[in-house]
Amino acid sequence: MNKNSCLLSLKNSNVVPIDWSNLNTKPLTGEMTEGIINIINNGNKFIVNDWWNKVWNFNDDNHKEYLTMKGNKEHSIRPLTHMSLALSASIALNIYDENTTGVSVKDAKDMAVKLIKSVAKAHYSNTPEGWGNAWQSAYWAADVALASWFFWDNFSKEDQKYIQNCIVTEANRFIDYIVPYYMDRKGNILFPGDSKAEENAWNSNILSAACAMMPNHENYNLWMYKNMELILSAFARPSDTLRDIEINGFRLNEFLKGSNINEDGTVVNHNIIHPDYQATMAVKLLNGVYFAFGKQKVPQAVVFNGDVIYESFVNLDLKDLNKDMAGQYIYKRKHDGSASHEINYPNGTDWGTDRQICFFLMDVYADMLKLDKNLPLKAKDFALARLPVMKAMQSRTENGQYYLSTDSDRYRSREEWVMWHAIHSYMALWVGENGMYNITNESPFKPDMPSQDTP
């Protein structure tokens, strides 16, 4: 299948709002869901109080229509998109608790809407010298897309246009994009020490968002074609380039131009075997959430190699990666063999060791999608081992902040990083519980498109 065969002329480029009429937004129950709701609401307390008023001083802009941006680079934009998504999704899915936060649902929603429209307006498609068209900006735009979709009818026509410009412009950047690979088909390392797994996964998010929100857009099939390439390549192994199997109409041994993970499921990034980046498989899996809210089926490509990644976490003996860890696994086990919250980093780690929640999100997806079906320990057991540790970390503060200054996580926007993973964990649980993550191996393209030719 090639890109030129995916051209389709459609006339309606409007965003199709989420149809909430048949969706059950009653908060989920159960140990895992109630635990993550608790973390989200404590985090929401931080967002609508100290984060809003003291960290970003947005209270100074109360009289303005739009918030003032502090810059156009990662740590000026990504924290805002992450928190806008956390706040919007928790309100839309009825888990926001004003008794915990001390701020009413109405006021919190007003904050979320103002934050979303301000970030969207600040995009370079709407404001000269604005943010966007950058290495990671598609990731931030995907947050804007989903957060805005929850409250689409609450935005003015002008703000809807700002948001749509942001989404479409970022999605269009990838139509002729050359997808990067860590290793080519011959085994040559193209980017030493730097897998493109996470990068391809987050770039796919904006394309999934655009396709889900604007299913009748003239670029739908062009977006979807590149989306499939990014999704399939993100966590492809060297052996996958030889596999004569077809996923959503794409034959792997013809389509893949290389690989981005090792044969054993581990991922090289920052010049080490890096479990944190292995866990970004969840960034690929969450593409299914966009399709779910658009009442579309989830392409099989989205879950491709999810089982390989999770098996590597749970069952890969680390003896060949670190002889001192022989008989151990990336997901540590307690002395009695049960699931532990701790992580083994075979080559060490540069971010820190207090980053439980990225693995929790991976556990949630592994449990929902049965990626652990052949494993001796189950994803839910690991998730439940992490929850008390995460809750204990957050309980050390009165304002809902997760980290203390002495904690082991070097990422500058770590509070926002936690909330992004927390809300995505709940959305995954919610979509799964409501039977909305429906996987298909059918072609993802529009049925009335021209015939598809294999290159």
Protein backbone atom coordinates (compact mmCIF):
# COMPACT_ATOMS: atom_id res chain seq x y z
CA MET A 1 0.00 0.00 0.00
CA ASN A 2 1.37 3.44 -0.82
CA LYS A 3 0.54 6.98 0.16
CA ASN A 4 -0.71 8.04 -3.26
CA SER A 5 -3.39 5.37 -3.14
CA CYS A 6 -4.78 7.04 -0.02
CA LEU A 7 -5.90 10.29 -1.67
CA LEU A 8 -9.56 11.00 -1.04
CA SER A 9 -11.53 14.15 -1.65
CA LEU A 10 -13.83 14.95 1.28
CA LYS A 11 -15.61 18.24 1.82
CA ASN A 12 -16.44 18.47 5.53
CA SER A 13 -13.41 19.41 7.61
CA ASN A 14 -15.36 20.19 10.78
CA VAL A 15 -14.62 18.65 14.15
CA VAL A 16 -17.27 16.10 15.06
CA PRO A 17 -18.00 16.59 18.79
CA ILE A 18 -17.92 13.61 21.14
CA ASP A 19 -21.35 12.01 21.38
CA TRP A 20 -21.86 11.74 25.12
CA SER A 21 -25.48 10.56 24.85
CA ASN A 22 -24.72 6.85 25.20
CA LEU A 23 -21.56 7.10 27.29
CA ASN A 24 -21.63 6.15 30.96
CA THR A 25 -19.54 8.74 32.80
CA LYS A 26 -20.27 7.37 36.24
CA PRO A 27 -16.90 7.10 38.04
CA LEU A 28 -15.39 3.65 37.95
CA THR A 29 -14.97 1.65 41.13
CA GLY A 30 -12.43 -0.90 42.24
CA GLU A 31 -9.05 -0.76 43.95
CA MET A 32 -7.03 0.22 40.91
CA THR A 33 -9.44 2.86 39.61
CA GLU A 34 -10.23 4.39 42.99
CA GLY A 35 -6.52 4.61 43.72
CA ILE A 36 -5.73 6.53 40.54
CA ILE A 37 -8.79 8.77 41.02
CA ASN A 38 -7.39 9.70 44.43
CA ILE A 39 -4.04 10.65 42.87
CA ILE A 40 -5.78 12.63 40.12
CA ASN A 41 -7.92 14.63 42.52
CA ASN A 42 -5.01 15.46 44.78
CA GLY A 43 -3.18 16.55 41.64
CA ASN A 44 -6.20 18.60 40.57
CA LYS A 45 -6.02 20.33 43.92
CA PHE A 46 -2.50 21.38 43.01
CA ILE A 47 -3.53 22.49 39.50
CA VAL A 48 -6.43 24.78 40.49
CA ASN A 49 -4.63 26.30 43.46
CA ASP A 50 -0.86 26.56 43.78
CA TRP A 51 0.03 25.56 40.22
CA TRP A 52 -2.38 28.10 38.73
CA ASN A 53 -1.78 30.92 41.20
CA LYS A 54 1.83 30.52 42.32
CA VAL A 55 3.75 28.41 39.80
CA TRP A 56 2.36 30.10 36.67
CA ASN A 57 0.70 33.20 38.21
CA PHE A 58 -2.30 32.84 35.92
CA ASN A 59 -4.43 34.66 38.48
CA ASP A 60 -2.74 37.81 37.16
CA ASP A 61 -4.58 37.19 33.88
CA ASN A 62 -8.05 36.82 35.36
CA HIS A 63 -9.19 39.99 33.60
CA LYS A 64 -7.83 38.88 30.23
CA GLU A 65 -9.50 36.74 27.58
CA TYR A 66 -6.33 34.66 27.12
CA LEU A 67 -3.52 33.66 29.44
CA THR A 68 -0.06 35.03 28.84
CA MET A 69 2.41 32.43 27.60
CA LYS A 70 5.88 32.41 29.16
CA GLY A 71 7.61 31.23 25.98
CA ASN A 72 7.26 28.84 23.06
CA LYS A 73 9.60 25.97 24.04
CA GLU A 74 8.96 22.67 25.80
CA HIS A 75 8.82 23.76 29.42
CA SER A 76 6.67 26.77 28.56
CA ILE A 77 4.05 24.79 26.64
CA ARG A 78 4.11 21.09 27.54
CA PRO A 79 3.27 21.67 31.24
CA LEU A 80 0.20 23.64 30.19
CA THR A 81 -1.07 21.04 27.73
CA HIS A 82 -0.54 18.20 30.20
CA MET A 83 -2.44 19.98 32.97
CA SER A 84 -5.21 21.11 30.64
CA LEU A 85 -5.77 17.50 29.63
CA ALA A 86 -5.73 16.25 33.23
CA LEU A 87 -8.22 18.87 34.37
CA SER A 88 -10.51 18.59 31.33
CA ALA A 89 -10.69 14.80 31.29
CA SER A 90 -11.31 14.54 35.03
CA ILE A 91 -14.21 16.99 34.75
CA ALA A 92 -15.66 15.42 31.59
CA LEU A 93 -15.50 11.92 33.10
CA ASN A 94 -17.03 13.09 36.39
CA ILE A 95 -14.16 12.24 38.69
CA TYR A 96 -13.21 15.83 39.57
CA ASP A 97 -13.92 16.29 43.31
CA GLU A 98 -14.47 19.86 44.42
CA ASN A 99 -14.45 18.77 48.05
CA THR A 100 -10.84 17.70 47.62
CA THR A 101 -9.73 20.66 45.51
CA GLY A 102 -11.66 23.43 47.22
CA VAL A 103 -12.58 24.84 43.80
CA SER A 104 -15.99 24.28 42.21
CA VAL A 105 -16.45 22.20 39.08
CA LYS A 106 -17.66 25.32 37.26
CA ASP A 107 -14.58 27.36 38.15
CA ALA A 108 -12.25 24.45 37.37
CA LYS A 109 -13.91 24.00 33.98
CA ASP A 110 -13.51 27.71 33.27
CA MET A 111 -9.81 27.35 34.07
CA ALA A 112 -9.48 24.35 31.76
CA VAL A 113 -11.26 26.06 28.87
CA LYS A 114 -9.18 29.22 29.27
CA LEU A 115 -5.96 27.22 29.42
CA ILE A 116 -6.82 25.21 26.30
CA LYS A 117 -7.87 28.15 24.15
CA SER A 118 -4.88 30.22 25.28
CA VAL A 119 -2.37 27.54 24.34
CA ALA A 120 -4.13 26.94 21.02
CA LYS A 121 -4.17 30.64 20.17
CA ALA A 122 -0.45 30.81 20.97
CA HIS A 123 0.33 28.18 18.32
CA TYR A 124 2.27 29.46 15.33
CA SER A 125 -0.67 28.76 13.03
CA ASN A 126 -2.55 31.49 14.91
CA THR A 127 0.17 33.75 16.37
CA PRO A 128 3.44 34.78 14.67
CA GLU A 129 6.49 33.36 16.49
CA GLY A 130 4.22 31.05 18.44
CA TRP A 131 5.02 27.52 19.53
CA GLY A 132 4.87 24.55 17.16
CA ASN A 133 6.58 22.99 14.17
CA ALA A 134 9.15 21.61 16.59
CA TRP A 135 10.57 18.22 17.53
CA GLN A 136 8.00 17.54 20.28
CA SER A 137 5.22 19.99 19.46
CA ALA A 138 2.91 17.38 17.92
CA TYR A 139 2.83 15.72 21.34
CA TRP A 140 1.62 18.92 22.98
CA ALA A 141 -0.89 19.56 20.21
CA ALA A 142 -2.39 16.10 20.80
CA ASP A 143 -3.09 17.14 24.39
CA VAL A 144 -4.77 20.31 23.13
CA ALA A 145 -6.84 18.22 20.73
CA LEU A 146 -8.19 15.76 23.28
CA ALA A 147 -8.68 18.34 26.05
CA SER A 148 -10.62 20.64 23.71
CA TRP A 149 -12.71 17.79 22.34
CA PHE A 150 -14.17 17.10 25.78
CA PHE A 151 -15.67 20.62 25.85
CA TRP A 152 -15.89 21.40 22.15
CA ASP A 153 -19.25 23.18 22.28
CA ASN A 154 -18.04 25.41 25.11
CA PHE A 155 -15.57 27.19 22.85
CA SER A 156 -16.47 30.17 20.71
CA LYS A 157 -16.33 29.74 16.92
CA GLU A 158 -13.14 31.80 16.93
CA ASP A 159 -11.50 29.62 19.56
CA GLN A 160 -12.64 26.47 17.79
CA LYS A 161 -10.84 27.77 14.73
CA TYR A 162 -7.68 28.44 16.74
CA ILE A 163 -7.79 24.89 18.11
CA GLN A 164 -8.49 23.33 14.73
CA ASN A 165 -5.68 25.33 13.12
CA CYS A 166 -3.30 24.00 15.77
CA ILE A 167 -4.37 20.37 15.23
CA VAL A 168 -4.48 20.44 11.44
CA THR A 169 -1.20 22.32 11.05
CA GLU A 170 0.67 19.91 13.32
CA ALA A 171 -0.92 16.88 11.63
CA ASN A 172 -0.15 18.18 8.14
CA ARG A 173 3.55 18.43 8.99
CA PHE A 174 3.72 14.64 8.82
CA ILE A 175 2.08 13.98 5.47
CA ASP A 176 5.47 13.93 3.70
CA TYR A 177 7.51 13.16 6.81
CA ILE A 178 10.32 10.63 6.55
CA VAL A 179 9.80 8.28 9.48
CA PRO A 180 13.04 7.70 11.42
CA TYR A 181 14.40 4.33 12.54
CA TYR A 182 17.04 3.46 15.12
CA MET A 183 18.32 0.64 12.92
CA ASP A 184 17.90 -0.01 9.19
CA ARG A 185 16.90 -3.32 7.64
CA LYS A 186 20.55 -4.38 7.28
CA GLY A 187 21.28 -3.86 10.98
CA ASN A 188 23.11 -0.54 10.66
CA ILE A 189 22.55 1.80 13.61
CA LEU A 190 21.28 5.08 12.19
CA PHE A 191 20.94 6.99 15.47
CA PRO A 192 23.49 5.63 17.97
CA GLY A 193 22.08 5.46 21.49
CA ASP A 194 18.82 7.08 20.41
CA SER A 195 15.81 4.94 19.52
CA LYS A 196 12.97 6.71 17.75
CA ALA A 197 10.35 4.58 19.51
CA GLU A 198 8.94 7.28 21.78
CA GLU A 199 9.28 9.98 19.14
CA ASN A 200 7.32 8.00 16.55
CA ALA A 201 4.72 7.12 19.17
CA TRP A 202 4.07 10.69 20.27
CA ASN A 203 4.01 11.94 16.69
CA SER A 204 1.35 9.37 15.91
CA ASN A 205 -0.87 10.84 18.63
CA ILE A 206 -1.66 14.04 16.73
CA LEU A 207 -2.55 12.05 13.62
CA SER A 208 -4.86 9.75 15.56
CA ALA A 209 -6.44 12.81 17.19
CA ALA A 210 -6.94 14.55 13.85
CA CYS A 211 -8.47 11.44 12.25
CA ALA A 212 -10.76 10.79 15.22
CA MET A 213 -11.93 14.38 15.56
CA MET A 214 -12.21 15.19 11.85
CA PRO A 215 -13.19 11.90 10.17
CA ASN A 216 -14.44 13.71 7.05
CA HIS A 217 -11.45 15.96 6.53
CA GLU A 218 -9.90 15.99 3.07
CA ASN A 219 -6.56 14.88 4.55
CA TYR A 220 -7.99 12.00 6.58
CA ASN A 221 -6.40 9.21 4.54
CA LEU A 222 -3.08 11.02 4.20
CA TRP A 223 -2.97 11.46 7.96
CA MET A 224 -3.96 7.87 8.52
CA TYR A 225 -1.33 6.51 6.14
CA LYS A 226 1.48 8.29 7.95
CA ASN A 227 -0.11 7.38 11.26
CA MET A 228 0.14 3.70 10.38
CA GLU A 229 3.79 4.06 9.45
CA LEU A 230 4.62 5.84 12.71
CA ILE A 231 2.63 3.37 14.79
CA LEU A 232 4.01 0.23 13.18
CA SER A 233 7.59 1.50 13.18
CA ALA A 234 7.64 2.83 16.73
CA PHE A 235 8.23 -0.50 18.46
CA ALA A 236 9.25 -2.70 15.53
CA ARG A 237 11.98 -5.31 16.11
CA PRO A 238 14.66 -6.28 13.58
CA SER A 239 12.86 -9.56 12.89
CA ASP A 240 9.64 -7.72 12.08
CA THR A 241 11.22 -6.42 8.89
CA LEU A 242 11.26 -10.04 7.68
CA ARG A 243 7.79 -11.06 8.82
CA ASP A 244 5.38 -11.83 6.03
CA ILE A 245 2.26 -10.79 7.91
CA GLU A 246 -0.29 -8.11 7.17
CA ILE A 247 -1.53 -5.61 9.75
CA ASN A 248 -4.34 -3.26 8.70
CA GLY A 249 -3.40 -3.83 5.07
CA PHE A 250 0.34 -3.24 5.53
CA ARG A 251 2.70 -6.17 4.98
CA LEU A 252 5.53 -5.78 7.49
CA ASN A 253 8.36 -7.18 5.36
CA GLU A 254 7.49 -4.70 2.62
CA PHE A 255 6.47 -1.68 4.68
CA LEU A 256 8.97 -1.43 7.55
CA LYS A 257 12.26 0.26 6.69
CA GLY A 258 13.95 -0.70 9.92
CA SER A 259 13.42 -1.18 13.64
CA ASN A 260 13.31 0.87 16.84
CA ILE A 261 13.63 -1.71 19.61
CA ASN A 262 15.94 -4.61 20.27
CA GLU A 263 14.89 -8.16 19.50
CA ASP A 264 14.39 -8.87 23.22
CA GLY A 265 11.95 -5.96 23.59
CA THR A 266 14.33 -3.56 25.30
CA VAL A 267 14.83 0.00 24.10
CA VAL A 268 18.07 1.96 23.74
CA ASN A 269 17.83 5.65 24.56
CA HIS A 270 20.25 8.13 26.10
CA ASN A 271 22.95 5.58 25.22
CA ILE A 272 21.66 2.95 27.65
CA ILE A 273 19.07 0.18 27.83
CA HIS A 274 16.35 2.43 29.21
CA PRO A 275 13.19 0.95 30.80
CA ASP A 276 11.55 4.40 31.01
CA TYR A 277 11.52 4.56 27.21
CA GLN A 278 10.38 0.97 26.93
CA ALA A 279 7.34 2.09 28.93
CA THR A 280 6.51 4.66 26.25
CA MET A 281 4.79 1.79 24.46
CA ALA A 282 1.84 3.24 26.41
CA VAL A 283 2.14 6.42 24.33
CA LYS A 284 1.44 4.26 21.28
CA LEU A 285 -1.34 2.30 22.96
CA LEU A 286 -3.18 5.44 24.00
CA ASN A 287 -3.87 6.17 20.34
CA GLY A 288 -6.79 3.86 20.92
CA VAL A 289 -8.36 6.39 23.29
CA TYR A 290 -8.71 8.95 20.49
CA PHE A 291 -10.41 6.42 18.23
CA ALA A 292 -12.63 5.26 21.10
CA PHE A 293 -13.98 8.74 21.79
CA GLY A 294 -14.62 9.11 18.06
CA LYS A 295 -16.56 5.82 18.08
CA GLN A 296 -14.06 4.36 15.65
CA LYS A 297 -12.37 0.99 15.80
CA VAL A 298 -8.76 0.83 16.96
CA PRO A 299 -6.34 -0.37 14.27
CA GLN A 300 -4.49 -3.57 15.18
CA ALA A 301 -1.27 -1.67 14.50
CA VAL A 302 -1.78 0.29 17.73
CA VAL A 303 -1.27 -2.80 19.91
CA PHE A 304 1.45 -4.32 17.70
CA ASN A 305 4.32 -5.66 19.87
CA GLY A 306 2.68 -4.50 23.09
CA ASP A 307 3.00 -8.08 24.35
CA VAL A 308 6.69 -8.16 23.40
CA ILE A 309 7.39 -5.04 25.43
CA TYR A 310 5.48 -6.24 28.46
CA GLU A 311 7.00 -9.71 28.41
CA SER A 312 10.42 -8.07 28.37
CA PHE A 313 9.53 -6.12 31.50
CA VAL A 314 8.31 -9.14 33.42
CA ASN A 315 10.17 -12.15 32.09
CA LEU A 316 13.48 -11.14 30.47
CA ASP A 317 16.43 -12.41 32.50
CA LEU A 318 18.87 -9.51 32.71
CA LYS A 319 21.97 -11.70 32.73
CA ASP A 320 22.99 -10.65 29.22
CA LEU A 321 22.51 -6.95 29.96
CA ASN A 322 24.13 -6.86 33.38
CA LYS A 323 25.84 -9.95 34.79
CA ASP A 324 25.23 -8.68 38.33
CA MET A 325 21.49 -8.87 37.65
CA ALA A 326 21.43 -12.48 36.47
CA GLY A 327 18.15 -14.09 37.48
CA GLN A 328 16.48 -10.70 37.87
CA TYR A 329 14.00 -8.82 35.69
CA ILE A 330 13.26 -5.18 34.85
CA TYR A 331 10.09 -5.49 36.92
CA LYS A 332 11.51 -6.55 40.26
CA ARG A 333 9.94 -9.33 42.27
CA LYS A 334 9.80 -9.60 46.03
CA HIS A 335 11.62 -12.36 47.87
CA ASP A 336 8.47 -14.49 47.77
CA GLY A 337 8.28 -14.08 43.99
CA SER A 338 5.33 -11.67 44.01
CA ALA A 339 5.11 -8.36 42.15
CA SER A 340 7.14 -5.42 43.43
CA HIS A 341 6.89 -1.73 42.61
CA GLU A 342 10.64 -1.46 42.06
CA ILE A 343 12.41 -1.27 38.71
CA ASN A 344 15.77 -2.74 37.74
CA TYR A 345 17.74 -0.44 35.45
CA PRO A 346 20.36 -2.73 33.88
CA ASN A 347 22.56 0.17 32.72
CA GLY A 348 21.46 2.67 35.37
CA THR A 349 19.13 5.60 34.71
CA ASP A 350 19.62 9.28 34.02
CA TRP A 351 16.13 10.53 34.91
CA GLY A 352 15.73 9.03 38.37
CA THR A 353 14.17 6.11 40.22
CA ASP A 354 11.00 7.76 41.59
CA ARG A 355 9.09 7.45 38.31
CA GLN A 356 6.54 4.75 39.09
CA ILE A 357 3.63 6.17 37.17
CA CYS A 358 4.91 5.59 33.64
CA PHE A 359 5.11 1.89 34.48
CA PHE A 360 1.68 2.03 36.12
CA LEU A 361 0.19 3.32 32.86
CA MET A 362 1.87 0.47 31.01
CA ASP A 363 0.46 -1.99 33.58
CA VAL A 364 -3.04 -0.59 33.07
CA TYR A 365 -2.86 -1.15 29.32
CA ALA A 366 -1.28 -4.59 29.72
CA ASP A 367 -4.11 -5.62 32.02
CA MET A 368 -6.83 -4.18 29.76
CA LEU A 369 -5.41 -5.66 26.55
CA LYS A 370 -4.32 -8.97 28.12
CA LEU A 371 -0.70 -8.38 27.14
CA ASP A 372 0.24 -10.41 30.22
CA LYS A 373 -1.76 -13.53 29.34
CA ASN A 374 1.31 -15.77 29.02
CA LEU A 375 3.25 -14.33 31.96
CA PRO A 376 3.73 -15.80 35.44
CA LEU A 377 2.94 -12.47 37.12
CA LYS A 378 0.07 -10.28 36.01
CA ALA A 379 -0.03 -6.61 35.12
CA LYS A 380 -2.70 -5.85 37.70
CA ASP A 381 -0.45 -7.22 40.45
CA PHE A 382 2.32 -4.81 39.46
CA ALA A 383 -0.13 -1.91 39.19
CA LEU A 384 -1.48 -2.60 42.66
CA ALA A 385 2.07 -2.84 44.01
CA ARG A 386 2.79 0.65 42.66
CA LEU A 387 -0.38 2.40 43.84
CA PRO A 388 0.44 2.64 47.57
CA VAL A 389 3.92 3.91 46.76
CA MET A 390 2.53 6.63 44.48
CA LYS A 391 -0.16 7.60 46.97
CA ALA A 392 2.41 7.77 49.75
CA MET A 393 4.62 10.09 47.71
CA GLN A 394 1.75 12.47 47.04
CA SER A 395 0.46 12.33 50.63
CA ARG A 396 3.63 13.99 51.90
CA THR A 397 2.34 17.40 50.76
CA GLU A 398 -0.80 19.33 51.68
CA ASN A 399 -1.24 20.98 48.29
CA GLY A 400 -1.44 17.85 46.11
CA GLN A 401 2.08 18.19 44.75
CA TYR A 402 3.62 14.80 44.00
CA TYR A 403 7.35 15.42 44.33
CA LEU A 404 9.61 16.89 46.97
CA SER A 405 12.78 18.65 45.88
CA THR A 406 14.91 15.73 47.05
CA ASP A 407 13.07 13.07 45.06
CA SER A 408 14.80 11.17 42.29
CA ASP A 409 13.35 12.59 39.08
CA ARG A 410 15.38 15.11 37.10
CA TYR A 411 12.66 16.05 34.63
CA ARG A 412 11.89 19.73 34.98
CA SER A 413 8.14 19.41 34.31
CA ARG A 414 7.76 16.31 36.45
CA GLU A 415 4.55 17.36 38.24
CA GLU A 416 2.80 17.77 34.92
CA TRP A 417 4.35 14.53 33.67
CA VAL A 418 2.79 12.68 36.60
CA MET A 419 -0.66 14.15 36.01
CA TRP A 420 -0.51 13.32 32.30
CA HIS A 421 0.19 9.67 33.11
CA ALA A 422 -2.43 9.63 35.86
CA ILE A 423 -5.26 10.91 33.69
CA HIS A 424 -4.28 8.66 30.80
CA SER A 425 -4.36 5.74 33.22
CA TYR A 426 -7.94 6.55 34.15
CA MET A 427 -8.99 7.15 30.55
CA ALA A 428 -7.56 3.75 29.59
CA LEU A 429 -9.44 2.09 32.44
CA TRP A 430 -12.63 3.96 31.53
CA VAL A 431 -12.46 3.21 27.82
CA GLY A 432 -11.74 -0.44 28.56
CA GLU A 433 -14.53 -0.78 31.12
CA ASN A 434 -17.02 0.75 28.69
CA GLY A 435 -16.04 -1.61 25.86
CA MET A 436 -14.80 1.18 23.60
CA TYR A 437 -11.29 -0.10 22.78
CA ASN A 438 -12.40 -2.29 19.89
CA ILE A 439 -9.51 -3.59 17.80
CA THR A 440 -9.75 -4.32 14.10
CA ASN A 441 -7.34 -5.62 11.48
CA GLU A 442 -9.37 -4.06 8.68
CA SER A 443 -8.05 -1.25 6.52
CA PRO A 444 -8.23 2.06 8.44
CA PHE A 445 -8.93 4.08 5.30
CA LYS A 446 -12.24 5.39 4.09
CA PRO A 447 -14.20 2.72 2.17
CA ASP A 448 -14.81 4.92 -0.89
CA MET A 449 -11.16 5.66 -1.51
CA PRO A 450 -9.44 4.60 -4.74
CA SER A 451 -8.09 1.05 -4.91
CA GLN A 452 -4.97 0.44 -2.85
CA ASP A 453 -1.90 -0.79 -4.63
CA THR A 454 1.05 -2.50 -3.04
CA PRO A 455 4.31 -0.73 -3.96
